[in-house]
Protein backbone atom coordinates (compact mmCIF):
# COMPACT_ATOMS: atom_id res chain seq x y z
CA MET A 1 -9.16 -25.16 32.62
CA LYS A 2 -8.78 -28.29 35.12
CA ILE A 3 -9.48 -27.46 38.92
CA LEU A 4 -9.04 -29.88 41.97
CA LEU A 5 -11.79 -30.65 44.34
CA ARG A 6 -11.95 -31.65 47.70
CA LEU A 7 -14.65 -32.61 50.13
CA ALA A 8 -15.00 -32.14 53.54
CA THR A 9 -18.19 -33.00 56.39
CA TYR A 10 -19.42 -31.10 58.78
CA TYR A 11 -22.18 -32.02 61.65
CA THR A 12 -24.40 -29.86 63.59
CA ASN A 13 -22.31 -30.26 66.72
CA GLY A 14 -19.39 -28.62 65.45
CA ALA A 15 -17.65 -32.26 64.36
CA THR A 16 -16.12 -32.91 60.81
CA LEU A 17 -14.40 -35.72 59.00
CA PRO A 18 -11.09 -35.97 57.37
CA MET A 19 -10.99 -34.27 54.00
CA SER A 20 -11.31 -36.34 51.03
CA ALA A 21 -8.80 -36.95 48.14
CA LYS A 22 -8.20 -34.39 45.54
CA VAL A 23 -10.10 -35.28 42.62
CA THR A 24 -9.30 -33.42 39.01
CA GLY A 25 -12.09 -31.70 37.59
CA MET A 26 -12.65 -29.91 34.32
CA PHE A 27 -14.31 -26.71 33.78
CA THR A 28 -15.81 -25.54 30.02
CA PRO A 29 -17.21 -22.14 29.90
CA ILE A 30 -21.00 -22.69 28.82
CA SER A 31 -20.13 -20.83 26.02
CA GLN A 32 -16.92 -18.93 24.22
CA PRO A 33 -17.74 -15.79 22.29
CA LEU A 34 -16.54 -15.94 18.62
CA ALA A 35 -12.90 -14.17 17.84
CA PRO A 36 -13.18 -10.61 16.87
CA TYR A 37 -11.23 -9.82 13.66
CA ILE A 38 -9.01 -6.97 13.12
CA THR A 39 -9.92 -5.13 9.74
CA ASP A 40 -7.52 -2.04 9.47
CA ILE A 41 -4.65 -0.65 11.34
CA GLN A 42 -3.27 2.79 10.99
CA SER A 43 -0.58 4.87 12.50
CA THR A 44 0.85 8.18 13.13
CA GLU A 45 3.99 9.10 15.03
CA LYS A 46 1.76 8.84 18.41
CA SER A 47 -0.99 7.24 17.92
CA ILE A 48 -2.22 3.73 16.37
CA ASN A 49 -5.71 2.86 15.13
CA LEU A 50 -7.46 -0.62 15.36
CA THR A 51 -10.47 -0.70 13.25
CA ILE A 52 -12.36 -3.91 14.79
CA LYS A 53 -15.24 -6.20 13.29
CA ASN A 54 -17.31 -7.99 15.89
CA ASN A 55 -18.22 -11.69 15.00
CA ASP A 56 -21.03 -12.62 18.44
CA VAL A 57 -23.85 -10.98 19.47
CA GLN A 58 -22.92 -11.99 22.86
CA THR A 59 -19.74 -9.42 22.84
CA ARG A 60 -20.19 -6.93 25.57
CA GLY A 61 -16.42 -5.68 24.56
CA TYR A 62 -12.88 -5.86 23.78
CA ARG A 63 -9.63 -6.58 25.92
CA ILE A 64 -6.33 -5.24 23.51
CA TYR A 65 -3.31 -6.63 23.35
CA ARG A 66 0.04 -5.65 22.06
CA LYS A 67 3.57 -6.15 21.67
CA LEU A 68 6.22 -4.72 20.24
CA ASN A 69 9.01 -7.10 18.01
CA THR A 70 11.46 -7.19 20.65
CA ASP A 71 8.40 -8.62 22.85
CA SER A 72 7.85 -12.11 23.42
CA ALA A 73 4.46 -12.26 24.46
CA PHE A 74 1.41 -9.78 24.42
CA ALA A 75 0.77 -7.98 26.93
CA LEU A 76 -2.79 -6.11 27.88
CA ILE A 77 -3.05 -2.55 27.48
CA SER A 78 -6.77 -1.38 28.06
CA GLU A 79 -9.82 -1.49 30.25
CA LEU A 80 -13.17 -3.43 28.79
CA ILE A 81 -13.76 -1.30 25.64
CA LYS A 82 -17.85 -1.44 25.05
CA VAL A 83 -18.78 -2.80 21.70
CA GLU A 84 -22.16 -0.64 20.54
CA LYS A 85 -21.48 -1.61 16.99
CA ALA A 86 -20.74 -4.37 14.50
CA ILE A 87 -16.91 -2.13 13.83
CA THR A 88 -15.64 -0.71 16.75
CA SER A 89 -12.68 1.79 16.30
CA TYR A 90 -9.50 2.00 18.95
CA ILE A 91 -6.85 4.38 18.85
CA ASP A 92 -3.43 3.33 21.41
CA THR A 93 -1.57 6.39 22.53
CA GLN A 94 0.34 4.51 25.27
CA ASN A 95 3.75 5.40 25.15
CA ILE A 96 4.05 5.52 21.40
CA ALA A 97 7.68 5.86 19.73
CA ALA A 98 8.51 7.04 16.53
CA ASP A 99 9.95 4.38 13.96
CA LYS A 100 8.66 1.36 15.46
CA TYR A 101 6.62 -2.05 14.90
CA TYR A 102 3.46 -2.60 16.91
CA THR A 103 2.13 -5.95 16.94
CA TYR A 104 -1.90 -6.01 18.33
CA MET A 105 -4.29 -8.59 18.74
CA VAL A 106 -7.55 -8.75 20.40
CA LYS A 107 -10.10 -10.99 22.39
CA ALA A 108 -13.48 -10.62 22.79
CA GLU A 109 -15.55 -10.77 26.58
CA ASN A 110 -18.86 -11.59 26.45
CA LYS A 111 -21.50 -10.79 29.37
CA SER A 112 -20.62 -14.09 31.41
CA TYR A 113 -17.51 -12.52 31.41
CA VAL A 114 -15.67 -15.55 29.21
CA LEU A 115 -13.11 -14.08 26.97
CA SER A 116 -12.84 -15.40 23.36
CA PRO A 117 -10.07 -16.91 21.15
CA ALA A 118 -7.17 -14.62 19.89
CA SER A 119 -8.07 -12.43 16.85
CA ASN A 120 -5.53 -12.23 13.69
CA ILE A 121 -2.58 -10.57 14.35
CA LEU A 122 -1.36 -7.32 12.72
CA THR A 123 1.59 -5.63 13.00
CA VAL A 124 2.36 -1.57 12.08
CA ARG A 125 4.83 0.64 12.51
CA SER A 126 4.47 4.08 13.77
CA ALA A 127 5.33 6.97 11.45
CA LYS A 128 8.87 8.91 11.94
CA SER A 129 8.40 12.70 13.03
CA GLY A 130 7.18 14.27 9.92
CA GLU A 131 6.18 11.25 8.24
CA LEU A 132 3.07 11.25 6.07
CA ILE A 133 0.25 9.17 7.32
CA THR A 134 0.16 5.30 6.50
CA MET A 135 -2.76 4.24 4.58
CA GLY A 136 -4.67 0.88 6.34
CA VAL A 137 -3.32 -2.55 5.72
CA PRO A 138 -5.06 -3.58 1.88
CA LYS A 139 -7.80 -6.44 1.32
CA VAL A 140 -6.34 -9.58 -0.29
CA GLU A 141 -9.03 -12.11 -2.04
CA MET A 142 -8.51 -15.09 -4.51
CA ILE A 143 -11.29 -14.32 -7.22
CA ASN A 144 -11.10 -16.45 -10.73
CA GLY A 145 -7.12 -17.13 -9.97
CA ARG A 146 -6.64 -13.48 -9.51
CA ALA A 147 -5.24 -11.53 -6.08
CA MET A 148 -7.60 -8.78 -5.99
CA ILE A 149 -6.05 -6.28 -3.67
CA GLN A 150 -8.44 -3.40 -2.47
CA TRP A 151 -7.81 -0.76 0.23
CA ASN A 152 -9.84 2.07 1.95
CA ASN A 153 -8.74 5.68 0.94
CA ASN A 154 -8.88 7.10 4.81
CA ILE A 155 -6.54 10.07 4.13
CA GLN A 156 -8.59 13.11 2.90
CA ARG A 157 -7.95 12.75 -0.84
CA GLU A 158 -7.17 16.33 -2.01
CA SER A 159 -3.92 15.19 -0.84
CA ILE A 160 -3.01 12.20 -2.69
CA GLN A 161 -1.59 12.86 -5.78
CA SER A 162 -1.16 8.90 -6.67
CA PHE A 163 -1.22 5.41 -4.99
CA GLN A 164 1.45 2.72 -5.78
CA ILE A 165 1.12 -1.39 -5.41
CA TYR A 166 3.70 -3.43 -4.30
CA ARG A 167 4.34 -7.05 -3.70
CA LYS A 168 6.45 -9.08 -1.63
CA ASP A 169 7.83 -12.53 -1.76
CA GLU A 170 8.72 -15.42 0.34
CA SER A 171 12.36 -14.09 -0.06
CA GLY A 172 11.20 -10.76 1.16
CA LYS A 173 12.26 -9.32 -2.59
CA GLU A 174 9.96 -6.74 -2.78
CA THR A 175 8.42 -5.55 -6.85
CA LEU A 176 6.89 -2.30 -7.39
CA LEU A 177 3.79 -3.36 -9.82
CA LYS A 178 2.27 -0.13 -10.48
CA GLU A 179 2.55 3.69 -9.80
CA ASN A 180 0.89 6.45 -10.40
CA ILE A 181 -2.61 5.09 -9.73
CA ASP A 182 -5.33 7.79 -9.84
CA PRO A 183 -6.46 8.62 -6.30
CA GLN A 184 -9.99 7.73 -7.26
CA ILE A 185 -8.81 4.08 -7.91
CA ILE A 186 -9.00 1.79 -4.90
CA ASN A 187 -8.19 -1.62 -6.30
CA TYR A 188 -5.85 -3.79 -8.31
CA SER A 189 -6.18 -7.09 -9.84
CA ASP A 190 -2.53 -9.16 -10.10
CA SER A 191 -2.34 -12.54 -12.05
CA THR A 192 1.74 -12.68 -12.34
CA ILE A 193 1.87 -15.11 -9.69
CA ALA A 194 2.77 -18.90 -9.12
CA ILE A 195 1.32 -21.44 -7.73
CA GLY A 196 2.02 -22.78 -4.15
CA HIS A 197 4.00 -19.10 -3.31
CA GLN A 198 2.94 -16.78 -0.89
CA TYR A 199 2.82 -12.82 -1.21
CA ASN A 200 2.17 -9.83 0.59
CA TYR A 201 0.99 -6.99 -1.05
CA GLY A 202 1.48 -3.00 -0.17
CA ILE A 203 0.04 0.13 -0.90
CA ALA A 204 1.07 3.18 -0.25
CA TYR A 205 0.83 6.73 -2.02
CA ARG A 206 2.75 9.95 -2.76
CA ASP A 207 1.24 13.41 -1.73
CA ASN A 208 0.98 16.70 -4.09
CA ASN A 209 4.44 17.74 -2.85
CA GLY A 210 5.79 14.29 -4.08
CA ASN A 211 6.64 12.56 -0.67
CA ARG A 212 5.76 9.00 -0.52
CA SER A 213 4.33 7.49 2.78
CA ALA A 214 5.51 4.00 3.99
CA ILE A 215 4.20 0.85 2.49
CA ALA A 216 1.30 -0.72 4.31
CA TYR A 217 1.37 -4.76 4.05
CA SER A 218 -1.41 -7.68 3.98
CA LYS A 219 -0.55 -10.93 5.50
CA SER A 220 0.21 -13.35 3.06
CA THR A 221 -1.34 -14.79 0.65
CA SER A 222 -1.38 -18.14 -1.22
CA ILE A 223 -1.39 -17.78 -4.90
CA PRO A 224 -2.98 -20.72 -7.09
CA ILE A 225 -1.82 -19.68 -11.08
CA ARG A 226 0.04 -17.29 -13.05
CA SER A 227 -0.46 -14.73 -15.87
CA GLU A 228 -0.94 -11.24 -16.42
CA ALA A 229 -1.66 -8.18 -14.38
CA HIS A 230 -4.52 -5.96 -15.15
CA LEU A 231 -5.80 -2.50 -13.28
CA MET A 232 -9.28 -3.15 -12.22
CA TYR A 233 -10.91 0.24 -10.65
CA THR A 234 -13.98 1.28 -8.55
CA ARG A 235 -14.09 4.89 -8.48
CA ARG A 236 -15.63 6.68 -5.87
CA GLN A 237 -19.11 8.48 -6.80
CA LYS A 238 -19.42 11.96 -5.53
CA LYS A 239 -21.15 12.85 -2.78
CA ILE A 240 -24.49 15.59 -3.71
CA ARG A 241 -23.83 18.31 -1.74
């Protein structure tokens, strides 16, 4: 941050000399905290839940910023959200309207009151009245030339009949990759992909009444190879009571 400085001389008898010319200085914080990371986002009709990961031991809290898809700039919507654990959950209930797209980013504030750069940016659509809760954003990683898609099942498992995996390319074309996935399966491997292209992966589910949730899409992922798709899964271990 640039600042302008001027100097003045004062004598003990009250006399002064003229102010000096303005000189430009540069203020740089001693330590700027690392940006946090939004790991998950979920929506209902009247609230949106962010899951935020802390990346700096000096972080004392977060500032939450939000905008609608019709807005040009983010607006600060929170007081300082104190950080006590590595993972923090923040629920936004401020004027959430049904069936609207909300975009979020977060900045960390350290113990010297210095703000971090912006976190990653995620967008979610608030649910319509009576609509099923949207799954969290799936995580996508490239492993051995395959796109590994993994999701957290934060919905009550007994309410889920099956999962569906979707893929969207640069043109916006949406493809259903796999449906009727067992609710105990929480990841999927896709290698039906092409060099140099960008894809988004989405997760949805059907409840026991056959109703389908909205699709929660990941951010774009660059894919380097092409071959076949395979379903891989991890089954949750049953809790011993």
